[in-house]
Amino acid sequence: MISVTESHNRSNVNRSVDESFKGFAEAWDGLGKDKPKLRLGLSTCFDCPWEGRVPEDSVIRAVERVIAIAPDVEIGICDTTGRAAPDHVGSLLGRIMPRYASDRVTFTLAPVTV
């Protein structure tokens, strides 16, 4: 799990988003050639308790970072606070799915993560 917003990621794991992605890349690369199918959750895709509504472009950049590290992945788009508006969910998924979903990259919508 990596948060899209800096404030939430710092609160949860006491590291920046960049530090979390770096750690994820190092851990993933360390598995060698026979990697399992991965599900990585992105927290605060819609709302952050500290930063408010999360810009869709921030989520898209996080999705791109995940795919760059692990091109065979299921990405959880998480409504961490339970405050995602239906139009925001539809808009974000409408941008992500056609662009990134494939046989190698799948998505799941997680209503609320803790």
PDB file of N, CA and C in Angstrom:
ATOM      1  N   MET A   1       0.837  -1.171   0.000  1.00  0.00           N
ATOM      2  CA  MET A   1       0.000   0.000   0.000  1.00  0.00           C
ATOM      3  C   MET A   1       0.884   1.237   0.000  1.00  0.00           C
ATOM      4  N   ILE A   2       0.636   2.114  -0.943  1.00  0.00           N
ATOM      5  CA  ILE A   2       1.311   3.409  -1.001  1.00  0.00           C
ATOM      6  C   ILE A   2       0.237   4.470  -1.155  1.00  0.00           C
ATOM      7  N   SER A   3       0.334   5.522  -0.381  1.00  0.00           N
ATOM      8  CA  SER A   3      -0.631   6.622  -0.487  1.00  0.00           C
ATOM      9  C   SER A   3      -0.252   7.532  -1.645  1.00  0.00           C
ATOM     10  N   VAL A   4      -1.261   8.077  -2.285  1.00  0.00           N
ATOM     11  CA  VAL A   4      -1.031   9.039  -3.352  1.00  0.00           C
ATOM     12  C   VAL A   4      -0.575  10.378  -2.765  1.00  0.00           C
ATOM     13  N   THR A   5      -1.090  10.725  -1.600  1.00  0.00           N
ATOM     14  CA  THR A   5      -0.749  12.018  -1.000  1.00  0.00           C
ATOM     15  C   THR A   5       0.404  11.890  -0.005  1.00  0.00           C
ATOM     16  N   GLU A   6       1.221  12.922   0.009  1.00  0.00           N
ATOM     17  CA  GLU A   6       2.368  12.953   0.923  1.00  0.00           C
ATOM     18  C   GLU A   6       1.934  12.892   2.381  1.00  0.00           C
ATOM     19  N   SER A   7       0.938  13.684   2.747  1.00  0.00           N
ATOM     20  CA  SER A   7       0.517  13.756   4.151  1.00  0.00           C
ATOM     21  C   SER A   7       0.058  12.406   4.674  1.00  0.00           C
ATOM     22  N   HIS A   8      -0.728  11.709   3.895  1.00  0.00           N
ATOM     23  CA  HIS A   8      -1.242  10.407   4.336  1.00  0.00           C
ATOM     24  C   HIS A   8      -0.120   9.382   4.396  1.00  0.00           C
ATOM     25  N   ASN A   9       0.752   9.377   3.398  1.00  0.00           N
ATOM     26  CA  ASN A   9       1.849   8.420   3.392  1.00  0.00           C
ATOM     27  C   ASN A   9       2.769   8.650   4.593  1.00  0.00           C
ATOM     28  N   ARG A  10       3.078   9.912   4.877  1.00  0.00           N
ATOM     29  CA  ARG A  10       3.915  10.228   6.054  1.00  0.00           C
ATOM     30  C   ARG A  10       3.238   9.770   7.335  1.00  0.00           C
ATOM     31  N   SER A  11       1.933   9.993   7.428  1.00  0.00           N
ATOM     32  CA  SER A  11       1.202   9.601   8.636  1.00  0.00           C
ATOM     33  C   SER A  11       1.188   8.084   8.813  1.00  0.00           C
ATOM     34  N   ASN A  12       1.032   7.364   7.720  1.00  0.00           N
ATOM     35  CA  ASN A  12       0.924   5.904   7.804  1.00  0.00           C
ATOM     36  C   ASN A  12       2.262   5.195   7.969  1.00  0.00           C
ATOM     37  N   VAL A  13       3.266   5.616   7.203  1.00  0.00           N
ATOM     38  CA  VAL A  13       4.524   4.859   7.194  1.00  0.00           C
ATOM     39  C   VAL A  13       5.753   5.714   7.472  1.00  0.00           C
ATOM     40  N   ASN A  14       5.538   6.976   7.792  1.00  0.00           N
ATOM     41  CA  ASN A  14       6.630   7.882   8.144  1.00  0.00           C
ATOM     42  C   ASN A  14       7.700   7.968   7.050  1.00  0.00           C
ATOM     43  N   ARG A  15       7.253   7.977   5.800  1.00  0.00           N
ATOM     44  CA  ARG A  15       8.151   8.167   4.668  1.00  0.00           C
ATOM     45  C   ARG A  15       7.425   8.967   3.593  1.00  0.00           C
ATOM     46  N   SER A  16       8.199   9.566   2.720  1.00  0.00           N
ATOM     47  CA  SER A  16       7.603  10.280   1.597  1.00  0.00           C
ATOM     48  C   SER A  16       7.069   9.259   0.580  1.00  0.00           C
ATOM     49  N   VAL A  17       6.243   9.738  -0.328  1.00  0.00           N
ATOM     50  CA  VAL A  17       5.762   8.878  -1.405  1.00  0.00           C
ATOM     51  C   VAL A  17       6.945   8.382  -2.232  1.00  0.00           C
ATOM     52  N   ASP A  18       7.893   9.269  -2.525  1.00  0.00           N
ATOM     53  CA  ASP A  18       9.077   8.854  -3.291  1.00  0.00           C
ATOM     54  C   ASP A  18       9.850   7.749  -2.571  1.00  0.00           C
ATOM     55  N   GLU A  19      10.017   7.890  -1.260  1.00  0.00           N
ATOM     56  CA  GLU A  19      10.721   6.856  -0.492  1.00  0.00           C
ATOM     57  C   GLU A  19       9.971   5.527  -0.541  1.00  0.00           C
ATOM     58  N   SER A  20       8.650   5.585  -0.474  1.00  0.00           N
ATOM     59  CA  SER A  20       7.863   4.352  -0.545  1.00  0.00           C
ATOM     60  C   SER A  20       7.984   3.691  -1.904  1.00  0.00           C
ATOM     61  N   PHE A  21       7.940   4.486  -2.974  1.00  0.00           N
ATOM     62  CA  PHE A  21       8.107   3.905  -4.310  1.00  0.00           C
ATOM     63  C   PHE A  21       9.513   3.345  -4.499  1.00  0.00           C
ATOM     64  N   LYS A  22      10.504   4.011  -3.949  1.00  0.00           N
ATOM     65  CA  LYS A  22      11.872   3.495  -4.040  1.00  0.00           C
ATOM     66  C   LYS A  22      11.983   2.159  -3.308  1.00  0.00           C
ATOM     67  N   GLY A  23      11.427   2.078  -2.118  1.00  0.00           N
ATOM     68  CA  GLY A  23      11.445   0.826  -1.363  1.00  0.00           C
ATOM     69  C   GLY A  23      10.686  -0.281  -2.072  1.00  0.00           C
ATOM     70  N   PHE A  24       9.551   0.061  -2.666  1.00  0.00           N
ATOM     71  CA  PHE A  24       8.774  -0.907  -3.432  1.00  0.00           C
ATOM     72  C   PHE A  24       9.596  -1.435  -4.607  1.00  0.00           C
ATOM     73  N   ALA A  25      10.257  -0.538  -5.339  1.00  0.00           N
ATOM     74  CA  ALA A  25      11.064  -0.954  -6.492  1.00  0.00           C
ATOM     75  C   ALA A  25      12.204  -1.868  -6.060  1.00  0.00           C
ATOM     76  N   GLU A  26      12.867  -1.516  -4.983  1.00  0.00           N
ATOM     77  CA  GLU A  26      13.983  -2.341  -4.498  1.00  0.00           C
ATOM     78  C   GLU A  26      13.495  -3.723  -4.070  1.00  0.00           C
ATOM     79  N   ALA A  27      12.384  -3.767  -3.360  1.00  0.00           N
ATOM     80  CA  ALA A  27      11.845  -5.054  -2.905  1.00  0.00           C
ATOM     81  C   ALA A  27      11.401  -5.900  -4.101  1.00  0.00           C
ATOM     82  N   TRP A  28      10.745  -5.274  -5.065  1.00  0.00           N
ATOM     83  CA  TRP A  28      10.248  -6.000  -6.233  1.00  0.00           C
ATOM     84  C   TRP A  28      11.403  -6.529  -7.068  1.00  0.00           C
ATOM     85  N   ASP A  29      12.403  -5.696  -7.291  1.00  0.00           N
ATOM     86  CA  ASP A  29      13.582  -6.135  -8.060  1.00  0.00           C
ATOM     87  C   ASP A  29      14.319  -7.254  -7.340  1.00  0.00           C
ATOM     88  N   GLY A  30      14.309  -7.225  -6.027  1.00  0.00           N
ATOM     89  CA  GLY A  30      15.008  -8.239  -5.243  1.00  0.00           C
ATOM     90  C   GLY A  30      14.395  -9.627  -5.334  1.00  0.00           C
ATOM     91  N   LEU A  31      13.198  -9.728  -5.883  1.00  0.00           N
ATOM     92  CA  LEU A  31      12.551 -11.039  -6.008  1.00  0.00           C
ATOM     93  C   LEU A  31      13.087 -11.857  -7.174  1.00  0.00           C
ATOM     94  N   GLY A  32      13.868 -11.236  -8.033  1.00  0.00           N
ATOM     95  CA  GLY A  32      14.429 -11.985  -9.157  1.00  0.00           C
ATOM     96  C   GLY A  32      13.449 -12.136 -10.302  1.00  0.00           C
ATOM     97  N   LYS A  33      13.639 -13.209 -11.085  1.00  0.00           N
ATOM     98  CA  LYS A  33      12.858 -13.390 -12.304  1.00  0.00           C
ATOM     99  C   LYS A  33      11.459 -13.959 -12.077  1.00  0.00           C
ATOM    100  N   ASP A  34      11.288 -14.872 -11.149  1.00  0.00           N
ATOM    101  CA  ASP A  34      10.005 -15.557 -10.964  1.00  0.00           C
ATOM    102  C   ASP A  34       9.151 -14.835  -9.922  1.00  0.00           C
ATOM    103  N   LYS A  35       8.611 -13.704 -10.319  1.00  0.00           N
ATOM    104  CA  LYS A  35       7.814 -12.895  -9.405  1.00  0.00           C
ATOM    105  C   LYS A  35       6.356 -13.369  -9.397  1.00  0.00           C
ATOM    106  N   PRO A  36       5.697 -13.290  -8.259  1.00  0.00           N
ATOM    107  CA  PRO A  36       4.276 -13.627  -8.205  1.00  0.00           C
ATOM    108  C   PRO A  36       3.447 -12.494  -8.793  1.00  0.00           C
ATOM    109  N   LYS A  37       2.187 -12.765  -9.066  1.00  0.00           N
ATOM    110  CA  LYS A  37       1.266 -11.696  -9.464  1.00  0.00           C
ATOM    111  C   LYS A  37       1.128 -10.768  -8.266  1.00  0.00           C
ATOM    112  N   LEU A  38       1.196  -9.492  -8.509  1.00  0.00           N
ATOM    113  CA  LEU A  38       1.195  -8.505  -7.443  1.00  0.00           C
ATOM    114  C   LEU A  38      -0.100  -7.713  -7.433  1.00  0.00           C
ATOM    115  N   ARG A  39      -0.620  -7.458  -6.241  1.00  0.00           N
ATOM    116  CA  ARG A  39      -1.698  -6.489  -6.052  1.00  0.00           C
ATOM    117  C   ARG A  39      -1.141  -5.392  -5.157  1.00  0.00           C
ATOM    118  N   LEU A  40      -1.090  -4.183  -5.683  1.00  0.00           N
ATOM    119  CA  LEU A  40      -0.609  -3.049  -4.906  1.00  0.00           C
ATOM    120  C   LEU A  40      -1.743  -2.040  -4.782  1.00  0.00           C
ATOM    121  N   GLY A  41      -2.041  -1.656  -3.554  1.00  0.00           N
ATOM    122  CA  GLY A  41      -3.092  -0.679  -3.316  1.00  0.00           C
ATOM    123  C   GLY A  41      -2.549   0.730  -3.274  1.00  0.00           C
ATOM    124  N   LEU A  42      -3.260   1.642  -3.911  1.00  0.00           N
ATOM    125  CA  LEU A  42      -2.957   3.063  -3.828  1.00  0.00           C
ATOM    126  C   LEU A  42      -4.005   3.714  -2.928  1.00  0.00           C
ATOM    127  N   SER A  43      -3.564   4.187  -1.775  1.00  0.00           N
ATOM    128  CA  SER A  43      -4.464   4.849  -0.827  1.00  0.00           C
ATOM    129  C   SER A  43      -4.692   6.293  -1.241  1.00  0.00           C
ATOM    130  N   THR A  44      -5.726   6.864  -0.715  1.00  0.00           N
ATOM    131  CA  THR A  44      -6.114   8.270  -0.919  1.00  0.00           C
ATOM    132  C   THR A  44      -6.204   8.639  -2.398  1.00  0.00           C
ATOM    133  N   CYS A  45      -6.878   7.814  -3.170  1.00  0.00           N
ATOM    134  CA  CYS A  45      -7.052   8.116  -4.590  1.00  0.00           C
ATOM    135  C   CYS A  45      -8.129   9.170  -4.838  1.00  0.00           C
ATOM    136  N   PHE A  46      -8.986   9.395  -3.855  1.00  0.00           N
ATOM    137  CA  PHE A  46     -10.079  10.340  -4.043  1.00  0.00           C
ATOM    138  C   PHE A  46     -10.052  11.485  -3.034  1.00  0.00           C
ATOM    139  N   ASP A  47      -9.727  11.166  -1.803  1.00  0.00           N
ATOM    140  CA  ASP A  47      -9.780  12.148  -0.732  1.00  0.00           C
ATOM    141  C   ASP A  47      -8.698  11.829   0.290  1.00  0.00           C
ATOM    142  N   CYS A  48      -8.104  12.871   0.841  1.00  0.00           N
ATOM    143  CA  CYS A  48      -7.095  12.725   1.885  1.00  0.00           C
ATOM    144  C   CYS A  48      -7.569  13.498   3.111  1.00  0.00           C
ATOM    145  N   PRO A  49      -7.444  12.914   4.297  1.00  0.00           N
ATOM    146  CA  PRO A  49      -7.885  13.622   5.498  1.00  0.00           C
ATOM    147  C   PRO A  49      -7.165  14.956   5.717  1.00  0.00           C
ATOM    148  N   TRP A  50      -5.953  15.098   5.190  1.00  0.00           N
ATOM    149  CA  TRP A  50      -5.178  16.333   5.378  1.00  0.00           C
ATOM    150  C   TRP A  50      -5.212  17.243   4.166  1.00  0.00           C
ATOM    151  N   GLU A  51      -5.267  16.658   2.977  1.00  0.00           N
ATOM    152  CA  GLU A  51      -5.127  17.455   1.756  1.00  0.00           C
ATOM    153  C   GLU A  51      -6.424  17.639   0.980  1.00  0.00           C
ATOM    154  N   GLY A  52      -7.509  16.979   1.415  1.00  0.00           N
ATOM    155  CA  GLY A  52      -8.791  17.132   0.728  1.00  0.00           C
ATOM    156  C   GLY A  52      -8.880  16.294  -0.543  1.00  0.00           C
ATOM    157  N   ARG A  53      -9.697  16.790  -1.471  1.00  0.00           N
ATOM    158  CA  ARG A  53      -9.910  16.063  -2.728  1.00  0.00           C
ATOM    159  C   ARG A  53      -8.583  15.906  -3.466  1.00  0.00           C
ATOM    160  N   VAL A  54      -8.306  14.689  -3.919  1.00  0.00           N
ATOM    161  CA  VAL A  54      -7.034  14.370  -4.570  1.00  0.00           C
ATOM    162  C   VAL A  54      -7.183  14.571  -6.082  1.00  0.00           C
ATOM    163  N   PRO A  55      -6.301  15.356  -6.679  1.00  0.00           N
ATOM    164  CA  PRO A  55      -6.371  15.561  -8.128  1.00  0.00           C
ATOM    165  C   PRO A  55      -6.171  14.249  -8.895  1.00  0.00           C
ATOM    166  N   GLU A  56      -6.970  14.050  -9.916  1.00  0.00           N
ATOM    167  CA  GLU A  56      -6.878  12.828 -10.713  1.00  0.00           C
ATOM    168  C   GLU A  56      -5.490  12.649 -11.311  1.00  0.00           C
ATOM    169  N   ASP A  57      -4.854  13.730 -11.713  1.00  0.00           N
ATOM    170  CA  ASP A  57      -3.517  13.615 -12.295  1.00  0.00           C
ATOM    171  C   ASP A  57      -2.515  13.034 -11.301  1.00  0.00           C
ATOM    172  N   SER A  58      -2.703  13.288 -10.016  1.00  0.00           N
ATOM    173  CA  SER A  58      -1.810  12.705  -9.000  1.00  0.00           C
ATOM    174  C   SER A  58      -1.970  11.192  -8.955  1.00  0.00           C
ATOM    175  N   VAL A  59      -3.201  10.729  -9.074  1.00  0.00           N
ATOM    176  CA  VAL A  59      -3.462   9.284  -9.064  1.00  0.00           C
ATOM    177  C   VAL A  59      -2.886   8.655 -10.337  1.00  0.00           C
ATOM    178  N   ILE A  60      -3.076   9.311 -11.456  1.00  0.00           N
ATOM    179  CA  ILE A  60      -2.552   8.787 -12.721  1.00  0.00           C
ATOM    180  C   ILE A  60      -1.031   8.667 -12.665  1.00  0.00           C
ATOM    181  N   ARG A  61      -0.365   9.663 -12.110  1.00  0.00           N
ATOM    182  CA  ARG A  61       1.104   9.574 -11.974  1.00  0.00           C
ATOM    183  C   ARG A  61       1.493   8.388 -11.091  1.00  0.00           C
ATOM    184  N   ALA A  62       0.739   8.148 -10.016  1.00  0.00           N
ATOM    185  CA  ALA A  62       1.036   7.007  -9.139  1.00  0.00           C
ATOM    186  C   ALA A  62       0.810   5.691  -9.879  1.00  0.00           C
ATOM    187  N   VAL A  63      -0.255   5.591 -10.648  1.00  0.00           N
ATOM    188  CA  VAL A  63      -0.516   4.391 -11.455  1.00  0.00           C
ATOM    189  C   VAL A  63       0.652   4.155 -12.406  1.00  0.00           C
ATOM    190  N   GLU A  64       1.113   5.193 -13.068  1.00  0.00           N
ATOM    191  CA  GLU A  64       2.234   5.058 -14.000  1.00  0.00           C
ATOM    192  C   GLU A  64       3.503   4.599 -13.289  1.00  0.00           C
ATOM    193  N   ARG A  65       3.711   5.077 -12.080  1.00  0.00           N
ATOM    194  CA  ARG A  65       4.896   4.662 -11.320  1.00  0.00           C
ATOM    195  C   ARG A  65       4.815   3.181 -10.959  1.00  0.00           C
ATOM    196  N   VAL A  66       3.639   2.732 -10.560  1.00  0.00           N
ATOM    197  CA  VAL A  66       3.465   1.314 -10.219  1.00  0.00           C
ATOM    198  C   VAL A  66       3.755   0.460 -11.443  1.00  0.00           C
ATOM    199  N   ILE A  67       3.170   0.804 -12.575  1.00  0.00           N
ATOM    200  CA  ILE A  67       3.338   0.008 -13.797  1.00  0.00           C
ATOM    201  C   ILE A  67       4.798   0.008 -14.250  1.00  0.00           C
ATOM    202  N   ALA A  68       5.490   1.115 -14.089  1.00  0.00           N
ATOM    203  CA  ALA A  68       6.902   1.181 -14.477  1.00  0.00           C
ATOM    204  C   ALA A  68       7.748   0.215 -13.652  1.00  0.00           C
ATOM    205  N   ILE A  69       7.367   0.019 -12.409  1.00  0.00           N
ATOM    206  CA  ILE A  69       8.115  -0.882 -11.529  1.00  0.00           C
ATOM    207  C   ILE A  69       7.689  -2.336 -11.738  1.00  0.00           C
ATOM    208  N   ALA A  70       6.383  -2.563 -11.805  1.00  0.00           N
ATOM    209  CA  ALA A  70       5.834  -3.924 -11.897  1.00  0.00           C
ATOM    210  C   ALA A  70       4.805  -3.965 -13.025  1.00  0.00           C
ATOM    211  N   PRO A  71       5.220  -4.273 -14.248  1.00  0.00           N
ATOM    212  CA  PRO A  71       4.299  -4.220 -15.378  1.00  0.00           C
ATOM    213  C   PRO A  71       3.212  -5.288 -15.385  1.00  0.00           C
ATOM    214  N   ASP A  72       3.317  -6.309 -14.547  1.00  0.00           N
ATOM    215  CA  ASP A  72       2.252  -7.300 -14.373  1.00  0.00           C
ATOM    216  C   ASP A  72       1.687  -7.094 -12.981  1.00  0.00           C
ATOM    217  N   VAL A  73       0.566  -6.389 -12.887  1.00  0.00           N
ATOM    218  CA  VAL A  73       0.106  -5.934 -11.582  1.00  0.00           C
ATOM    219  C   VAL A  73      -1.402  -5.731 -11.557  1.00  0.00           C
ATOM    220  N   GLU A  74      -1.969  -5.918 -10.397  1.00  0.00           N
ATOM    221  CA  GLU A  74      -3.330  -5.471 -10.134  1.00  0.00           C
ATOM    222  C   GLU A  74      -3.205  -4.273  -9.195  1.00  0.00           C
ATOM    223  N   ILE A  75      -3.792  -3.168  -9.588  1.00  0.00           N
ATOM    224  CA  ILE A  75      -3.700  -1.941  -8.801  1.00  0.00           C
ATOM    225  C   ILE A  75      -5.039  -1.667  -8.142  1.00  0.00           C
ATOM    226  N   GLY A  76      -5.006  -1.535  -6.829  1.00  0.00           N
ATOM    227  CA  GLY A  76      -6.203  -1.175  -6.080  1.00  0.00           C
ATOM    228  C   GLY A  76      -6.331   0.334  -6.027  1.00  0.00           C
ATOM    229  N   ILE A  77      -7.422   0.844  -6.544  1.00  0.00           N
ATOM    230  CA  ILE A  77      -7.736   2.270  -6.469  1.00  0.00           C
ATOM    231  C   ILE A  77      -8.624   2.430  -5.236  1.00  0.00           C
ATOM    232  N   CYS A  78      -8.051   2.983  -4.169  1.00  0.00           N
ATOM    233  CA  CYS A  78      -8.686   2.926  -2.855  1.00  0.00           C
ATOM    234  C   CYS A  78      -9.319   4.241  -2.415  1.00  0.00           C
ATOM    235  N   ASP A  79     -10.547   4.130  -1.948  1.00  0.00           N
ATOM    236  CA  ASP A  79     -11.248   5.242  -1.308  1.00  0.00           C
ATOM    237  C   ASP A  79     -10.974   5.136   0.183  1.00  0.00           C
ATOM    238  N   THR A  80      -9.865   5.631   0.597  1.00  0.00           N
ATOM    239  CA  THR A  80      -9.353   5.441   1.948  1.00  0.00           C
ATOM    240  C   THR A  80     -10.248   6.030   3.020  1.00  0.00           C
ATOM    241  N   THR A  81     -10.861   7.160   2.741  1.00  0.00           N
ATOM    242  CA  THR A  81     -11.663   7.845   3.755  1.00  0.00           C
ATOM    243  C   THR A  81     -13.155   7.554   3.658  1.00  0.00           C
ATOM    244  N   GLY A  82     -13.570   6.901   2.589  1.00  0.00           N
ATOM    245  CA  GLY A  82     -14.990   6.634   2.404  1.00  0.00           C
ATOM    246  C   GLY A  82     -15.766   7.859   1.954  1.00  0.00           C
ATOM    247  N   ARG A  83     -15.067   8.857   1.420  1.00  0.00           N
ATOM    248  CA  ARG A  83     -15.735  10.092   1.017  1.00  0.00           C
ATOM    249  C   ARG A  83     -15.662  10.349  -0.488  1.00  0.00           C
ATOM    250  N   ALA A  84     -15.400   9.320  -1.269  1.00  0.00           N
ATOM    251  CA  ALA A  84     -15.324   9.502  -2.720  1.00  0.00           C
ATOM    252  C   ALA A  84     -16.710   9.815  -3.270  1.00  0.00           C
ATOM    253  N   ALA A  85     -16.778  10.853  -4.089  1.00  0.00           N
ATOM    254  CA  ALA A  85     -18.031  11.208  -4.748  1.00  0.00           C
ATOM    255  C   ALA A  85     -18.195  10.345  -5.998  1.00  0.00           C
ATOM    256  N   PRO A  86     -19.415   9.896  -6.279  1.00  0.00           N
ATOM    257  CA  PRO A  86     -19.627   9.035  -7.453  1.00  0.00           C
ATOM    258  C   PRO A  86     -19.097   9.637  -8.753  1.00  0.00           C
ATOM    259  N   ASP A  87     -19.256  10.944  -8.945  1.00  0.00           N
ATOM    260  CA  ASP A  87     -18.756  11.539 -10.180  1.00  0.00           C
ATOM    261  C   ASP A  87     -17.227  11.522 -10.236  1.00  0.00           C
ATOM    262  N   HIS A  88     -16.565  11.626  -9.090  1.00  0.00           N
ATOM    263  CA  HIS A  88     -15.108  11.567  -9.045  1.00  0.00           C
ATOM    264  C   HIS A  88     -14.632  10.147  -9.366  1.00  0.00           C
ATOM    265  N   VAL A  89     -15.305   9.153  -8.810  1.00  0.00           N
ATOM    266  CA  VAL A  89     -14.959   7.756  -9.092  1.00  0.00           C
ATOM    267  C   VAL A  89     -15.104   7.485 -10.588  1.00  0.00           C
ATOM    268  N   GLY A  90     -16.240   7.869 -11.157  1.00  0.00           N
ATOM    269  CA  GLY A  90     -16.475   7.637 -12.580  1.00  0.00           C
ATOM    270  C   GLY A  90     -15.479   8.350 -13.468  1.00  0.00           C
ATOM    271  N   SER A  91     -15.170   9.581 -13.123  1.00  0.00           N
ATOM    272  CA  SER A  91     -14.221  10.360 -13.910  1.00  0.00           C
ATOM    273  C   SER A  91     -12.815   9.752 -13.858  1.00  0.00           C
ATOM    274  N   LEU A  92     -12.357   9.417 -12.649  1.00  0.00           N
ATOM    275  CA  LEU A  92     -11.013   8.854 -12.499  1.00  0.00           C
ATOM    276  C   LEU A  92     -10.894   7.510 -13.214  1.00  0.00           C
ATOM    277  N   LEU A  93     -11.834   6.615 -12.959  1.00  0.00           N
ATOM    278  CA  LEU A  93     -11.770   5.309 -13.627  1.00  0.00           C
ATOM    279  C   LEU A  93     -11.931   5.437 -15.130  1.00  0.00           C
ATOM    280  N   GLY A  94     -12.724   6.407 -15.575  1.00  0.00           N
ATOM    281  CA  GLY A  94     -12.890   6.658 -17.008  1.00  0.00           C
ATOM    282  C   GLY A  94     -11.602   7.114 -17.673  1.00  0.00           C
ATOM    283  N   ARG A  95     -10.722   7.728 -16.909  1.00  0.00           N
ATOM    284  CA  ARG A  95      -9.418   8.131 -17.445  1.00  0.00           C
ATOM    285  C   ARG A  95      -8.400   6.998 -17.354  1.00  0.00           C
ATOM    286  N   ILE A  96      -8.448   6.239 -16.269  1.00  0.00           N
ATOM    287  CA  ILE A  96      -7.440   5.202 -16.036  1.00  0.00           C
ATOM    288  C   ILE A  96      -7.675   3.943 -16.867  1.00  0.00           C
ATOM    289  N   MET A  97      -8.880   3.436 -16.839  1.00  0.00           N
ATOM    290  CA  MET A  97      -9.151   2.122 -17.432  1.00  0.00           C
ATOM    291  C   MET A  97      -8.802   2.048 -18.931  1.00  0.00           C
ATOM    292  N   PRO A  98      -9.290   2.953 -19.767  1.00  0.00           N
ATOM    293  CA  PRO A  98      -8.966   2.819 -21.192  1.00  0.00           C
ATOM    294  C   PRO A  98      -7.479   2.974 -21.491  1.00  0.00           C
ATOM    295  N   ARG A  99      -6.805   3.715 -20.673  1.00  0.00           N
ATOM    296  CA  ARG A  99      -5.407   4.031 -20.923  1.00  0.00           C
ATOM    297  C   ARG A  99      -4.441   2.963 -20.418  1.00  0.00           C
ATOM    298  N   TYR A 100      -4.771   2.328 -19.293  1.00  0.00           N
ATOM    299  CA  TYR A 100      -3.788   1.445 -18.644  1.00  0.00           C
ATOM    300  C   TYR A 100      -4.237  -0.004 -18.474  1.00  0.00           C
ATOM    301  N   ALA A 101      -5.521  -0.279 -18.459  1.00  0.00           N
ATOM    302  CA  ALA A 101      -5.988  -1.653 -18.254  1.00  0.00           C
ATOM    303  C   ALA A 101      -5.607  -2.520 -19.451  1.00  0.00           C
ATOM    304  N   SER A 102      -5.114  -3.732 -19.154  1.00  0.00           N
ATOM    305  CA  SER A 102      -4.687  -4.664 -20.206  1.00  0.00           C
ATOM    306  C   SER A 102      -4.683  -6.071 -19.627  1.00  0.00           C
ATOM    307  N   ASP A 103      -4.181  -7.005 -20.403  1.00  0.00           N
ATOM    308  CA  ASP A 103      -4.021  -8.360 -19.887  1.00  0.00           C
ATOM    309  C   ASP A 103      -3.010  -8.398 -18.745  1.00  0.00           C
ATOM    310  N   ARG A 104      -2.081  -7.466 -18.751  1.00  0.00           N
ATOM    311  CA  ARG A 104      -1.027  -7.439 -17.735  1.00  0.00           C
ATOM    312  C   ARG A 104      -1.362  -6.535 -16.553  1.00  0.00           C
ATOM    313  N   VAL A 105      -2.156  -5.509 -16.791  1.00  0.00           N
ATOM    314  CA  VAL A 105      -2.477  -4.540 -15.743  1.00  0.00           C
ATOM    315  C   VAL A 105      -3.999  -4.544 -15.521  1.00  0.00           C
ATOM    316  N   THR A 106      -4.374  -4.922 -14.310  1.00  0.00           N
ATOM    317  CA  THR A 106      -5.788  -4.923 -13.954  1.00  0.00           C
ATOM    318  C   THR A 106      -6.005  -3.983 -12.767  1.00  0.00           C
ATOM    319  N   PHE A 107      -7.264  -3.655 -12.540  1.00  0.00           N
ATOM    320  CA  PHE A 107      -7.597  -2.726 -11.473  1.00  0.00           C
ATOM    321  C   PHE A 107      -8.715  -3.286 -10.622  1.00  0.00           C
ATOM    322  N   THR A 108      -8.703  -2.888  -9.386  1.00  0.00           N
ATOM    323  CA  THR A 108      -9.790  -3.174  -8.466  1.00  0.00           C
ATOM    324  C   THR A 108     -10.124  -1.869  -7.752  1.00  0.00           C
ATOM    325  N   LEU A 109     -11.375  -1.697  -7.435  1.00  0.00           N
ATOM    326  CA  LEU A 109     -11.814  -0.520  -6.688  1.00  0.00           C
ATOM    327  C   LEU A 109     -12.069  -0.954  -5.255  1.00  0.00           C
ATOM    328  N   ALA A 110     -11.330  -0.364  -4.343  1.00  0.00           N
ATOM    329  CA  ALA A 110     -11.480  -0.694  -2.926  1.00  0.00           C
ATOM    330  C   ALA A 110     -12.283   0.433  -2.270  1.00  0.00           C
ATOM    331  N   PRO A 111     -13.497   0.138  -1.813  1.00  0.00           N
ATOM    332  CA  PRO A 111     -14.361   1.187  -1.289  1.00  0.00           C
ATOM    333  C   PRO A 111     -13.754   1.947  -0.117  1.00  0.00           C
ATOM    334  N   VAL A 112     -13.199   1.264   0.838  1.00  0.00           N
ATOM    335  CA  VAL A 112     -12.578   1.934   1.983  1.00  0.00           C
ATOM    336  C   VAL A 112     -11.411   1.057   2.445  1.00  0.00           C
ATOM    337  N   THR A 113     -10.252   1.673   2.675  1.00  0.00           N
ATOM    338  CA  THR A 113      -9.120   0.948   3.230  1.00  0.00           C
ATOM    339  C   THR A 113      -8.767   1.575   4.567  1.00  0.00           C
ATOM    340  N   VAL A 114      -8.182   0.793   5.424  1.00  0.00           N
ATOM    341  CA  VAL A 114      -7.770   1.314   6.736  1.00  0.00           C
ATOM    342  C   VAL A 114      -6.310   1.042   6.971  1.00  0.00           C
TER     343      VAL A 114
END
